[in-house]
Amino acid sequence: MKMNHLGAALTVLFLVSSVSSQNVGLQPYTNKEAIFLTYSSDGFYLSQDELKRLLPLEFHLVVTDELMTRFMTHADFSGDGKLTRREFFQLVELITREKRQ
Protein backbone atom coordinates (compact mmCIF):
# COMPACT_ATOMS: atom_id res chain seq x y z
CA MET A 1 0.00 0.00 0.00
CA LYS A 2 1.41 3.35 -1.04
CA MET A 3 0.74 6.15 1.46
CA ASN A 4 1.25 9.78 0.74
CA HIS A 5 2.90 11.77 3.53
CA LEU A 6 -0.11 13.90 4.39
CA GLY A 7 -2.40 10.88 4.59
CA ALA A 8 0.05 9.03 6.81
CA ALA A 9 0.48 12.05 9.08
CA LEU A 10 -3.27 12.52 9.45
CA THR A 11 -3.77 8.84 10.18
CA VAL A 12 -1.08 8.87 12.89
CA LEU A 13 -2.43 12.10 14.38
CA PHE A 14 -5.94 10.65 14.50
CA LEU A 15 -4.77 7.39 16.10
CA VAL A 16 -2.66 9.20 18.71
CA SER A 17 -5.52 11.50 19.67
CA SER A 18 -7.92 8.55 19.84
CA VAL A 19 -5.63 6.49 22.04
CA SER A 20 -4.92 9.41 24.33
CA SER A 21 -8.65 9.90 24.81
CA GLN A 22 -8.90 6.16 25.59
CA ASN A 23 -11.22 5.53 22.64
CA VAL A 24 -10.00 1.97 22.23
CA GLY A 25 -12.99 0.59 20.30
CA LEU A 26 -12.29 2.54 17.12
CA GLN A 27 -14.41 1.83 14.11
CA PRO A 28 -12.61 1.93 10.74
CA TYR A 29 -14.95 4.63 9.44
CA THR A 30 -14.49 7.13 12.28
CA ASN A 31 -12.16 9.34 10.26
CA LYS A 32 -13.19 9.49 6.62
CA GLU A 33 -10.67 12.19 5.78
CA ALA A 34 -7.68 10.17 7.00
CA ILE A 35 -8.87 7.10 5.10
CA PHE A 36 -9.35 9.11 1.91
CA LEU A 37 -5.92 10.71 2.13
CA THR A 38 -4.22 7.43 2.98
CA TYR A 39 -5.47 5.63 -0.12
CA SER A 40 -5.74 8.47 -2.65
CA SER A 41 -2.61 8.67 -4.78
CA ASP A 42 -3.18 12.34 -5.60
CA GLY A 43 -5.13 13.59 -2.57
CA PHE A 44 -8.06 14.69 -4.74
CA TYR A 45 -9.71 11.52 -6.03
CA LEU A 46 -10.01 7.82 -5.29
CA SER A 47 -9.78 5.59 -8.35
CA GLN A 48 -11.79 2.39 -8.52
CA ASP A 49 -8.59 0.42 -7.86
CA GLU A 50 -7.87 2.50 -4.76
CA LEU A 51 -11.45 2.01 -3.59
CA LYS A 52 -11.19 -1.76 -4.18
CA ARG A 53 -8.03 -1.77 -2.06
CA LEU A 54 -9.45 0.20 0.87
CA LEU A 55 -12.91 -1.37 1.21
CA PRO A 56 -11.72 -4.76 2.52
CA LEU A 57 -9.03 -3.23 4.72
CA GLU A 58 -11.04 -0.41 6.27
CA PHE A 59 -14.63 -1.69 6.11
CA HIS A 60 -14.12 -5.48 6.01
CA LEU A 61 -16.15 -5.81 2.81
CA VAL A 62 -15.76 -8.51 0.20
CA VAL A 63 -15.53 -6.48 -2.99
CA THR A 64 -17.33 -8.03 -5.93
CA ASP A 65 -17.92 -6.45 -9.33
CA GLU A 66 -21.59 -6.13 -8.40
CA LEU A 67 -20.75 -4.28 -5.19
CA MET A 68 -18.33 -1.93 -6.97
CA THR A 69 -20.96 -1.15 -9.60
CA ARG A 70 -23.50 -0.44 -6.87
CA PHE A 71 -21.12 1.80 -4.94
CA MET A 72 -20.03 3.71 -8.03
CA THR A 73 -23.63 4.14 -9.19
CA HIS A 74 -24.56 5.53 -5.78
CA ALA A 75 -21.53 7.73 -5.19
CA ASP A 76 -19.90 8.76 -8.50
CA PHE A 77 -22.17 11.67 -9.37
CA SER A 78 -19.84 13.06 -12.02
CA GLY A 79 -19.62 9.68 -13.78
CA ASP A 80 -15.86 9.96 -14.24
CA GLY A 81 -15.07 6.59 -12.63
CA LYS A 82 -13.39 8.06 -9.56
CA LEU A 83 -14.59 9.55 -6.28
CA THR A 84 -14.00 13.02 -4.91
CA ARG A 85 -13.78 13.46 -1.13
CA ARG A 86 -17.43 14.46 -1.00
CA GLU A 87 -18.49 11.45 -3.06
CA PHE A 88 -16.36 9.15 -0.88
CA PHE A 89 -17.84 10.61 2.33
CA GLN A 90 -21.35 9.93 0.99
CA LEU A 91 -20.33 6.38 0.15
CA VAL A 92 -19.04 5.91 3.70
CA GLU A 93 -22.42 7.08 5.00
CA LEU A 94 -24.14 4.44 2.83
CA ILE A 95 -21.78 1.72 4.05
CA THR A 96 -22.21 2.61 7.72
CA ARG A 97 -25.98 2.84 7.35
CA GLU A 98 -26.13 -0.62 5.77
CA LYS A 99 -23.79 -2.09 8.41
CA ARG A 100 -26.16 -0.89 11.16
CA GLN A 101 -29.13 -2.72 9.62
PDB file of N, CA and C in Angstrom:
ATOM      1  N   MET A   1       0.846  -1.173   0.000  1.00  0.00           N
ATOM      2  CA  MET A   1       0.000   0.000   0.000  1.00  0.00           C
ATOM      3  C   MET A   1       0.891   1.235   0.000  1.00  0.00           C
ATOM      4  N   LYS A   2       0.646   2.123  -0.925  1.00  0.00           N
ATOM      5  CA  LYS A   2       1.415   3.347  -1.041  1.00  0.00           C
ATOM      6  C   LYS A   2       0.683   4.461  -0.289  1.00  0.00           C
ATOM      7  N   MET A   3       1.336   5.062   0.682  1.00  0.00           N
ATOM      8  CA  MET A   3       0.739   6.149   1.456  1.00  0.00           C
ATOM      9  C   MET A   3       1.408   7.455   1.073  1.00  0.00           C
ATOM     10  N   ASN A   4       0.608   8.493   0.906  1.00  0.00           N
ATOM     11  CA  ASN A   4       1.249   9.784   0.741  1.00  0.00           C
ATOM     12  C   ASN A   4       1.534  10.340   2.134  1.00  0.00           C
ATOM     13  N   HIS A   5       2.446  11.273   2.229  1.00  0.00           N
ATOM     14  CA  HIS A   5       2.903  11.766   3.527  1.00  0.00           C
ATOM     15  C   HIS A   5       1.793  12.426   4.329  1.00  0.00           C
ATOM     16  N   LEU A   6       0.961  13.220   3.684  1.00  0.00           N
ATOM     17  CA  LEU A   6      -0.115  13.904   4.388  1.00  0.00           C
ATOM     18  C   LEU A   6      -1.114  12.896   4.941  1.00  0.00           C
ATOM     19  N   GLY A   7      -1.464  11.900   4.135  1.00  0.00           N
ATOM     20  CA  GLY A   7      -2.403  10.877   4.591  1.00  0.00           C
ATOM     21  C   GLY A   7      -1.847  10.108   5.772  1.00  0.00           C
ATOM     22  N   ALA A   8      -0.588   9.758   5.711  1.00  0.00           N
ATOM     23  CA  ALA A   8       0.052   9.031   6.812  1.00  0.00           C
ATOM     24  C   ALA A   8       0.086   9.886   8.070  1.00  0.00           C
ATOM     25  N   ALA A   9       0.420  11.152   7.919  1.00  0.00           N
ATOM     26  CA  ALA A   9       0.484  12.047   9.075  1.00  0.00           C
ATOM     27  C   ALA A   9      -0.887  12.214   9.715  1.00  0.00           C
ATOM     28  N   LEU A  10      -1.914  12.383   8.906  1.00  0.00           N
ATOM     29  CA  LEU A  10      -3.266  12.524   9.450  1.00  0.00           C
ATOM     30  C   LEU A  10      -3.720  11.255  10.146  1.00  0.00           C
ATOM     31  N   THR A  11      -3.392  10.105   9.572  1.00  0.00           N
ATOM     32  CA  THR A  11      -3.767   8.841  10.183  1.00  0.00           C
ATOM     33  C   THR A  11      -3.095   8.687  11.539  1.00  0.00           C
ATOM     34  N   VAL A  12      -1.801   8.975  11.624  1.00  0.00           N
ATOM     35  CA  VAL A  12      -1.080   8.865  12.892  1.00  0.00           C
ATOM     36  C   VAL A  12      -1.638   9.853  13.902  1.00  0.00           C
ATOM     37  N   LEU A  13      -1.880  11.092  13.485  1.00  0.00           N
ATOM     38  CA  LEU A  13      -2.432  12.099  14.383  1.00  0.00           C
ATOM     39  C   LEU A  13      -3.779  11.650  14.931  1.00  0.00           C
ATOM     40  N   PHE A  14      -4.625  11.114  14.074  1.00  0.00           N
ATOM     41  CA  PHE A  14      -5.939  10.649  14.504  1.00  0.00           C
ATOM     42  C   PHE A  14      -5.804   9.498  15.499  1.00  0.00           C
ATOM     43  N   LEU A  15      -4.939   8.537  15.207  1.00  0.00           N
ATOM     44  CA  LEU A  15      -4.771   7.391  16.100  1.00  0.00           C
ATOM     45  C   LEU A  15      -4.210   7.814  17.447  1.00  0.00           C
ATOM     46  N   VAL A  16      -3.245   8.720  17.455  1.00  0.00           N
ATOM     47  CA  VAL A  16      -2.665   9.196  18.713  1.00  0.00           C
ATOM     48  C   VAL A  16      -3.718   9.917  19.543  1.00  0.00           C
ATOM     49  N   SER A  17      -4.500  10.775  18.909  1.00  0.00           N
ATOM     50  CA  SER A  17      -5.524  11.500  19.666  1.00  0.00           C
ATOM     51  C   SER A  17      -6.604  10.557  20.170  1.00  0.00           C
ATOM     52  N   SER A  18      -6.906   9.519  19.410  1.00  0.00           N
ATOM     53  CA  SER A  18      -7.918   8.553  19.843  1.00  0.00           C
ATOM     54  C   SER A  18      -7.432   7.724  21.009  1.00  0.00           C
ATOM     55  N   VAL A  19      -6.187   7.284  20.953  1.00  0.00           N
ATOM     56  CA  VAL A  19      -5.635   6.486  22.038  1.00  0.00           C
ATOM     57  C   VAL A  19      -5.513   7.324  23.300  1.00  0.00           C
ATOM     58  N   SER A  20      -5.088   8.575  23.147  1.00  0.00           N
ATOM     59  CA  SER A  20      -4.921   9.414  24.327  1.00  0.00           C
ATOM     60  C   SER A  20      -6.257   9.734  24.980  1.00  0.00           C
ATOM     61  N   SER A  21      -7.338   9.682  24.215  1.00  0.00           N
ATOM     62  CA  SER A  21      -8.654   9.903  24.809  1.00  0.00           C
ATOM     63  C   SER A  21      -9.286   8.578  25.236  1.00  0.00           C
ATOM     64  N   GLN A  22      -8.498   7.500  25.176  1.00  0.00           N
ATOM     65  CA  GLN A  22      -8.902   6.159  25.585  1.00  0.00           C
ATOM     66  C   GLN A  22     -10.099   5.647  24.792  1.00  0.00           C
ATOM     67  N   ASN A  23     -10.175   6.021  23.531  1.00  0.00           N
ATOM     68  CA  ASN A  23     -11.217   5.526  22.642  1.00  0.00           C
ATOM     69  C   ASN A  23     -10.688   4.271  21.963  1.00  0.00           C
ATOM     70  N   VAL A  24     -10.641   3.185  22.706  1.00  0.00           N
ATOM     71  CA  VAL A  24      -9.996   1.971  22.226  1.00  0.00           C
ATOM     72  C   VAL A  24     -10.836   1.258  21.175  1.00  0.00           C
ATOM     73  N   GLY A  25     -12.127   1.314  21.232  1.00  0.00           N
ATOM     74  CA  GLY A  25     -12.987   0.595  20.301  1.00  0.00           C
ATOM     75  C   GLY A  25     -13.216   1.352  19.019  1.00  0.00           C
ATOM     76  N   LEU A  26     -12.159   1.752  18.347  1.00  0.00           N
ATOM     77  CA  LEU A  26     -12.287   2.540  17.125  1.00  0.00           C
ATOM     78  C   LEU A  26     -12.964   1.759  16.013  1.00  0.00           C
ATOM     79  N   GLN A  27     -13.824   2.402  15.305  1.00  0.00           N
ATOM     80  CA  GLN A  27     -14.414   1.831  14.105  1.00  0.00           C
ATOM     81  C   GLN A  27     -13.594   2.323  12.926  1.00  0.00           C
ATOM     82  N   PRO A  28     -13.464   1.526  11.859  1.00  0.00           N
ATOM     83  CA  PRO A  28     -12.614   1.933  10.740  1.00  0.00           C
ATOM     84  C   PRO A  28     -13.121   3.161  10.002  1.00  0.00           C
ATOM     85  N   TYR A  29     -14.385   3.515  10.177  1.00  0.00           N
ATOM     86  CA  TYR A  29     -14.948   4.634   9.435  1.00  0.00           C
ATOM     87  C   TYR A  29     -15.058   5.898  10.279  1.00  0.00           C
ATOM     88  N   THR A  30     -14.366   5.966  11.419  1.00  0.00           N
ATOM     89  CA  THR A  30     -14.490   7.135  12.281  1.00  0.00           C
ATOM     90  C   THR A  30     -13.788   8.356  11.718  1.00  0.00           C
ATOM     91  N   ASN A  31     -12.841   8.195  10.837  1.00  0.00           N
ATOM     92  CA  ASN A  31     -12.164   9.340  10.260  1.00  0.00           C
ATOM     93  C   ASN A  31     -12.059   9.180   8.753  1.00  0.00           C
ATOM     94  N   LYS A  32     -13.102   9.631   8.076  1.00  0.00           N
ATOM     95  CA  LYS A  32     -13.186   9.486   6.619  1.00  0.00           C
ATOM     96  C   LYS A  32     -12.071  10.228   5.905  1.00  0.00           C
ATOM     97  N   GLU A  33     -11.712  11.389   6.417  1.00  0.00           N
ATOM     98  CA  GLU A  33     -10.668  12.195   5.775  1.00  0.00           C
ATOM     99  C   GLU A  33      -9.327  11.467   5.777  1.00  0.00           C
ATOM    100  N   ALA A  34      -8.960  10.891   6.904  1.00  0.00           N
ATOM    101  CA  ALA A  34      -7.680  10.173   6.998  1.00  0.00           C
ATOM    102  C   ALA A  34      -7.671   8.967   6.064  1.00  0.00           C
ATOM    103  N   ILE A  35      -8.786   8.252   5.997  1.00  0.00           N
ATOM    104  CA  ILE A  35      -8.867   7.096   5.100  1.00  0.00           C
ATOM    105  C   ILE A  35      -8.714   7.551   3.651  1.00  0.00           C
ATOM    106  N   PHE A  36      -9.429   8.601   3.282  1.00  0.00           N
ATOM    107  CA  PHE A  36      -9.351   9.113   1.913  1.00  0.00           C
ATOM    108  C   PHE A  36      -7.916   9.485   1.558  1.00  0.00           C
ATOM    109  N   LEU A  37      -7.279  10.243   2.417  1.00  0.00           N
ATOM    110  CA  LEU A  37      -5.916  10.710   2.131  1.00  0.00           C
ATOM    111  C   LEU A  37      -4.898   9.581   2.143  1.00  0.00           C
ATOM    112  N   THR A  38      -5.142   8.559   2.922  1.00  0.00           N
ATOM    113  CA  THR A  38      -4.224   7.432   2.981  1.00  0.00           C
ATOM    114  C   THR A  38      -4.209   6.654   1.667  1.00  0.00           C
ATOM    115  N   TYR A  39      -5.371   6.472   1.069  1.00  0.00           N
ATOM    116  CA  TYR A  39      -5.469   5.625  -0.123  1.00  0.00           C
ATOM    117  C   TYR A  39      -5.450   6.393  -1.442  1.00  0.00           C
ATOM    118  N   SER A  40      -5.730   7.680  -1.424  1.00  0.00           N
ATOM    119  CA  SER A  40      -5.737   8.473  -2.654  1.00  0.00           C
ATOM    120  C   SER A  40      -4.312   8.776  -3.081  1.00  0.00           C
ATOM    121  N   SER A  41      -3.975   8.434  -4.303  1.00  0.00           N
ATOM    122  CA  SER A  41      -2.609   8.670  -4.782  1.00  0.00           C
ATOM    123  C   SER A  41      -2.337  10.143  -5.044  1.00  0.00           C
ATOM    124  N   ASP A  42      -3.392  10.926  -5.306  1.00  0.00           N
ATOM    125  CA  ASP A  42      -3.180  12.342  -5.602  1.00  0.00           C
ATOM    126  C   ASP A  42      -3.782  13.291  -4.563  1.00  0.00           C
ATOM    127  N   GLY A  43      -4.522  12.749  -3.593  1.00  0.00           N
ATOM    128  CA  GLY A  43      -5.127  13.590  -2.568  1.00  0.00           C
ATOM    129  C   GLY A  43      -6.421  14.261  -2.979  1.00  0.00           C
ATOM    130  N   PHE A  44      -6.836  14.058  -4.240  1.00  0.00           N
ATOM    131  CA  PHE A  44      -8.057  14.694  -4.741  1.00  0.00           C
ATOM    132  C   PHE A  44      -9.148  13.691  -5.098  1.00  0.00           C
ATOM    133  N   TYR A  45      -8.754  12.525  -5.573  1.00  0.00           N
ATOM    134  CA  TYR A  45      -9.705  11.519  -6.031  1.00  0.00           C
ATOM    135  C   TYR A  45      -9.289  10.139  -5.538  1.00  0.00           C
ATOM    136  N   LEU A  46     -10.280   9.241  -5.483  1.00  0.00           N
ATOM    137  CA  LEU A  46     -10.011   7.817  -5.294  1.00  0.00           C
ATOM    138  C   LEU A  46     -10.393   7.112  -6.586  1.00  0.00           C
ATOM    139  N   SER A  47      -9.461   6.389  -7.159  1.00  0.00           N
ATOM    140  CA  SER A  47      -9.777   5.594  -8.345  1.00  0.00           C
ATOM    141  C   SER A  47     -10.540   4.347  -7.903  1.00  0.00           C
ATOM    142  N   GLN A  48     -11.097   3.636  -8.858  1.00  0.00           N
ATOM    143  CA  GLN A  48     -11.788   2.394  -8.520  1.00  0.00           C
ATOM    144  C   GLN A  48     -10.815   1.379  -7.930  1.00  0.00           C
ATOM    145  N   ASP A  49      -9.589   1.334  -8.421  1.00  0.00           N
ATOM    146  CA  ASP A  49      -8.591   0.419  -7.860  1.00  0.00           C
ATOM    147  C   ASP A  49      -8.265   0.775  -6.414  1.00  0.00           C
ATOM    148  N   GLU A  50      -8.134   2.074  -6.130  1.00  0.00           N
ATOM    149  CA  GLU A  50      -7.866   2.503  -4.759  1.00  0.00           C
ATOM    150  C   GLU A  50      -9.043   2.165  -3.850  1.00  0.00           C
ATOM    151  N   LEU A  51     -10.254   2.347  -4.355  1.00  0.00           N
ATOM    152  CA  LEU A  51     -11.446   2.013  -3.585  1.00  0.00           C
ATOM    153  C   LEU A  51     -11.521   0.510  -3.323  1.00  0.00           C
ATOM    154  N   LYS A  52     -11.203  -0.296  -4.344  1.00  0.00           N
ATOM    155  CA  LYS A  52     -11.186  -1.758  -4.178  1.00  0.00           C
ATOM    156  C   LYS A  52     -10.164  -2.190  -3.130  1.00  0.00           C
ATOM    157  N   ARG A  53      -9.070  -1.450  -3.036  1.00  0.00           N
ATOM    158  CA  ARG A  53      -8.026  -1.773  -2.062  1.00  0.00           C
ATOM    159  C   ARG A  53      -8.453  -1.390  -0.642  1.00  0.00           C
ATOM    160  N   LEU A  54      -9.121  -0.265  -0.481  1.00  0.00           N
ATOM    161  CA  LEU A  54      -9.446   0.201   0.866  1.00  0.00           C
ATOM    162  C   LEU A  54     -10.687  -0.453   1.469  1.00  0.00           C
ATOM    163  N   LEU A  55     -11.667  -0.825   0.658  1.00  0.00           N
ATOM    164  CA  LEU A  55     -12.911  -1.373   1.209  1.00  0.00           C
ATOM    165  C   LEU A  55     -12.707  -2.613   2.074  1.00  0.00           C
ATOM    166  N   PRO A  56     -11.927  -3.601   1.639  1.00  0.00           N
ATOM    167  CA  PRO A  56     -11.724  -4.759   2.516  1.00  0.00           C
ATOM    168  C   PRO A  56     -10.893  -4.420   3.752  1.00  0.00           C
ATOM    169  N   LEU A  57      -9.920  -3.544   3.603  1.00  0.00           N
ATOM    170  CA  LEU A  57      -9.031  -3.230   4.717  1.00  0.00           C
ATOM    171  C   LEU A  57      -9.680  -2.338   5.770  1.00  0.00           C
ATOM    172  N   GLU A  58     -10.457  -1.373   5.343  1.00  0.00           N
ATOM    173  CA  GLU A  58     -11.044  -0.406   6.273  1.00  0.00           C
ATOM    174  C   GLU A  58     -12.467  -0.749   6.700  1.00  0.00           C
ATOM    175  N   PHE A  59     -13.222  -1.428   5.827  1.00  0.00           N
ATOM    176  CA  PHE A  59     -14.628  -1.693   6.110  1.00  0.00           C
ATOM    177  C   PHE A  59     -14.968  -3.177   6.127  1.00  0.00           C
ATOM    178  N   HIS A  60     -13.958  -4.022   5.955  1.00  0.00           N
ATOM    179  CA  HIS A  60     -14.120  -5.478   6.012  1.00  0.00           C
ATOM    180  C   HIS A  60     -15.202  -5.969   5.050  1.00  0.00           C
ATOM    181  N   LEU A  61     -15.193  -5.417   3.837  1.00  0.00           N
ATOM    182  CA  LEU A  61     -16.154  -5.806   2.812  1.00  0.00           C
ATOM    183  C   LEU A  61     -15.484  -6.686   1.770  1.00  0.00           C
ATOM    184  N   VAL A  62     -16.204  -7.697   1.330  1.00  0.00           N
ATOM    185  CA  VAL A  62     -15.762  -8.506   0.202  1.00  0.00           C
ATOM    186  C   VAL A  62     -16.202  -7.748  -1.049  1.00  0.00           C
ATOM    187  N   VAL A  63     -15.237  -7.338  -1.851  1.00  0.00           N
ATOM    188  CA  VAL A  63     -15.526  -6.477  -2.990  1.00  0.00           C
ATOM    189  C   VAL A  63     -15.744  -7.325  -4.235  1.00  0.00           C
ATOM    190  N   THR A  64     -16.983  -7.350  -4.689  1.00  0.00           N
ATOM    191  CA  THR A  64     -17.334  -8.030  -5.933  1.00  0.00           C
ATOM    192  C   THR A  64     -17.561  -6.971  -7.008  1.00  0.00           C
ATOM    193  N   ASP A  65     -17.618  -7.395  -8.254  1.00  0.00           N
ATOM    194  CA  ASP A  65     -17.918  -6.453  -9.334  1.00  0.00           C
ATOM    195  C   ASP A  65     -19.291  -5.830  -9.129  1.00  0.00           C
ATOM    196  N   GLU A  66     -20.239  -6.625  -8.656  1.00  0.00           N
ATOM    197  CA  GLU A  66     -21.594  -6.127  -8.401  1.00  0.00           C
ATOM    198  C   GLU A  66     -21.580  -5.040  -7.325  1.00  0.00           C
ATOM    199  N   LEU A  67     -20.825  -5.271  -6.267  1.00  0.00           N
ATOM    200  CA  LEU A  67     -20.746  -4.284  -5.185  1.00  0.00           C
ATOM    201  C   LEU A  67     -20.074  -2.998  -5.668  1.00  0.00           C
ATOM    202  N   MET A  68     -18.996  -3.119  -6.439  1.00  0.00           N
ATOM    203  CA  MET A  68     -18.325  -1.933  -6.971  1.00  0.00           C
ATOM    204  C   MET A  68     -19.258  -1.137  -7.874  1.00  0.00           C
ATOM    205  N   THR A  69     -20.002  -1.831  -8.719  1.00  0.00           N
ATOM    206  CA  THR A  69     -20.960  -1.149  -9.597  1.00  0.00           C
ATOM    207  C   THR A  69     -22.004  -0.412  -8.769  1.00  0.00           C
ATOM    208  N   ARG A  70     -22.492  -1.062  -7.736  1.00  0.00           N
ATOM    209  CA  ARG A  70     -23.500  -0.443  -6.867  1.00  0.00           C
ATOM    210  C   ARG A  70     -22.931   0.796  -6.178  1.00  0.00           C
ATOM    211  N   PHE A  71     -21.731   0.662  -5.622  1.00  0.00           N
ATOM    212  CA  PHE A  71     -21.121   1.802  -4.937  1.00  0.00           C
ATOM    213  C   PHE A  71     -20.868   2.952  -5.900  1.00  0.00           C
ATOM    214  N   MET A  72     -20.334   2.654  -7.067  1.00  0.00           N
ATOM    215  CA  MET A  72     -20.027   3.711  -8.028  1.00  0.00           C
ATOM    216  C   MET A  72     -21.308   4.370  -8.545  1.00  0.00           C
ATOM    217  N   THR A  73     -22.348   3.578  -8.748  1.00  0.00           N
ATOM    218  CA  THR A  73     -23.630   4.136  -9.186  1.00  0.00           C
ATOM    219  C   THR A  73     -24.185   5.088  -8.134  1.00  0.00           C
ATOM    220  N   HIS A  74     -24.042   4.704  -6.874  1.00  0.00           N
ATOM    221  CA  HIS A  74     -24.557   5.525  -5.775  1.00  0.00           C
ATOM    222  C   HIS A  74     -23.713   6.780  -5.549  1.00  0.00           C
ATOM    223  N   ALA A  75     -22.397   6.653  -5.655  1.00  0.00           N
ATOM    224  CA  ALA A  75     -21.526   7.732  -5.187  1.00  0.00           C
ATOM    225  C   ALA A  75     -20.866   8.575  -6.269  1.00  0.00           C
ATOM    226  N   ASP A  76     -20.635   8.033  -7.451  1.00  0.00           N
ATOM    227  CA  ASP A  76     -19.900   8.755  -8.495  1.00  0.00           C
ATOM    228  C   ASP A  76     -20.851   9.636  -9.300  1.00  0.00           C
ATOM    229  N   PHE A  77     -21.196  10.789  -8.732  1.00  0.00           N
ATOM    230  CA  PHE A  77     -22.171  11.675  -9.367  1.00  0.00           C
ATOM    231  C   PHE A  77     -21.676  12.254 -10.684  1.00  0.00           C
ATOM    232  N   SER A  78     -20.382  12.477 -10.785  1.00  0.00           N
ATOM    233  CA  SER A  78     -19.842  13.058 -12.016  1.00  0.00           C
ATOM    234  C   SER A  78     -19.716  12.025 -13.131  1.00  0.00           C
ATOM    235  N   GLY A  79     -19.721  10.733 -12.776  1.00  0.00           N
ATOM    236  CA  GLY A  79     -19.624   9.682 -13.777  1.00  0.00           C
ATOM    237  C   GLY A  79     -18.240   9.514 -14.370  1.00  0.00           C
ATOM    238  N   ASP A  80     -17.212  10.033 -13.693  1.00  0.00           N
ATOM    239  CA  ASP A  80     -15.856   9.960 -14.240  1.00  0.00           C
ATOM    240  C   ASP A  80     -15.087   8.714 -13.800  1.00  0.00           C
ATOM    241  N   GLY A  81     -15.720   7.837 -13.030  1.00  0.00           N
ATOM    242  CA  GLY A  81     -15.074   6.595 -12.626  1.00  0.00           C
ATOM    243  C   GLY A  81     -14.163   6.715 -11.421  1.00  0.00           C
ATOM    244  N   LYS A  82     -14.174   7.879 -10.776  1.00  0.00           N
ATOM    245  CA  LYS A  82     -13.393   8.061  -9.558  1.00  0.00           C
ATOM    246  C   LYS A  82     -14.211   8.906  -8.585  1.00  0.00           C
ATOM    247  N   LEU A  83     -13.811   8.867  -7.313  1.00  0.00           N
ATOM    248  CA  LEU A  83     -14.588   9.553  -6.284  1.00  0.00           C
ATOM    249  C   LEU A  83     -13.833  10.746  -5.719  1.00  0.00           C
ATOM    250  N   THR A  84     -14.527  11.872  -5.626  1.00  0.00           N
ATOM    251  CA  THR A  84     -13.997  13.023  -4.907  1.00  0.00           C
ATOM    252  C   THR A  84     -14.159  12.754  -3.416  1.00  0.00           C
ATOM    253  N   ARG A  85     -13.610  13.619  -2.589  1.00  0.00           N
ATOM    254  CA  ARG A  85     -13.783  13.458  -1.134  1.00  0.00           C
ATOM    255  C   ARG A  85     -15.258  13.429  -0.773  1.00  0.00           C
ATOM    256  N   ARG A  86     -15.994  14.374  -1.314  1.00  0.00           N
ATOM    257  CA  ARG A  86     -17.430  14.458  -0.996  1.00  0.00           C
ATOM    258  C   ARG A  86     -18.152  13.175  -1.407  1.00  0.00           C
ATOM    259  N   GLU A  87     -17.863  12.689  -2.599  1.00  0.00           N
ATOM    260  CA  GLU A  87     -18.488  11.448  -3.065  1.00  0.00           C
ATOM    261  C   GLU A  87     -18.090  10.274  -2.162  1.00  0.00           C
ATOM    262  N   PHE A  88     -16.826  10.214  -1.764  1.00  0.00           N
ATOM    263  CA  PHE A  88     -16.363   9.153  -0.880  1.00  0.00           C
ATOM    264  C   PHE A  88     -17.059   9.243   0.476  1.00  0.00           C
ATOM    265  N   PHE A  89     -17.192  10.446   1.033  1.00  0.00           N
ATOM    266  CA  PHE A  89     -17.845  10.611   2.328  1.00  0.00           C
ATOM    267  C   PHE A  89     -19.296  10.134   2.256  1.00  0.00           C
ATOM    268  N   GLN A  90     -19.970  10.404   1.147  1.00  0.00           N
ATOM    269  CA  GLN A  90     -21.348   9.934   0.991  1.00  0.00           C
ATOM    270  C   GLN A  90     -21.397   8.416   0.879  1.00  0.00           C
ATOM    271  N   LEU A  91     -20.413   7.834   0.231  1.00  0.00           N
ATOM    272  CA  LEU A  91     -20.329   6.378   0.148  1.00  0.00           C
ATOM    273  C   LEU A  91     -20.121   5.777   1.533  1.00  0.00           C
ATOM    274  N   VAL A  92     -19.266   6.391   2.335  1.00  0.00           N
ATOM    275  CA  VAL A  92     -19.035   5.908   3.700  1.00  0.00           C
ATOM    276  C   VAL A  92     -20.335   5.952   4.500  1.00  0.00           C
ATOM    277  N   GLU A  93     -21.121   6.991   4.321  1.00  0.00           N
ATOM    278  CA  GLU A  93     -22.419   7.081   5.000  1.00  0.00           C
ATOM    279  C   GLU A  93     -23.326   5.914   4.592  1.00  0.00           C
ATOM    280  N   LEU A  94     -23.350   5.580   3.304  1.00  0.00           N
ATOM    281  CA  LEU A  94     -24.136   4.440   2.826  1.00  0.00           C
ATOM    282  C   LEU A  94     -23.646   3.151   3.469  1.00  0.00           C
ATOM    283  N   ILE A  95     -22.344   2.949   3.491  1.00  0.00           N
ATOM    284  CA  ILE A  95     -21.779   1.724   4.049  1.00  0.00           C
ATOM    285  C   ILE A  95     -22.121   1.606   5.527  1.00  0.00           C
ATOM    286  N   THR A  96     -21.946   2.674   6.276  1.00  0.00           N
ATOM    287  CA  THR A  96     -22.206   2.614   7.717  1.00  0.00           C
ATOM    288  C   THR A  96     -23.695   2.420   8.004  1.00  0.00           C
ATOM    289  N   ARG A  97     -24.527   3.019   7.192  1.00  0.00           N
ATOM    290  CA  ARG A  97     -25.979   2.839   7.353  1.00  0.00           C
ATOM    291  C   ARG A  97     -26.368   1.379   7.131  1.00  0.00           C
ATOM    292  N   GLU A  98     -25.811   0.780   6.074  1.00  0.00           N
ATOM    293  CA  GLU A  98     -26.129  -0.618   5.772  1.00  0.00           C
ATOM    294  C   GLU A  98     -25.557  -1.565   6.812  1.00  0.00           C
ATOM    295  N   LYS A  99     -24.386  -1.237   7.383  1.00  0.00           N
ATOM    296  CA  LYS A  99     -23.787  -2.086   8.407  1.00  0.00           C
ATOM    297  C   LYS A  99     -24.624  -2.077   9.685  1.00  0.00           C
ATOM    298  N   ARG A 100     -25.312  -0.984   9.953  1.00  0.00           N
ATOM    299  CA  ARG A 100     -26.158  -0.894  11.160  1.00  0.00           C
ATOM    300  C   ARG A 100     -27.424  -1.721  11.041  1.00  0.00           C
ATOM    301  N   GLN A 101     -27.864  -1.998   9.827  1.00  0.00           N
ATOM    302  CA  GLN A 101     -29.132  -2.724   9.619  1.00  0.00           C
ATOM    303  C   GLN A 101     -28.956  -4.203   9.777  1.00  0.00           C
TER     304      GLN A 101
END
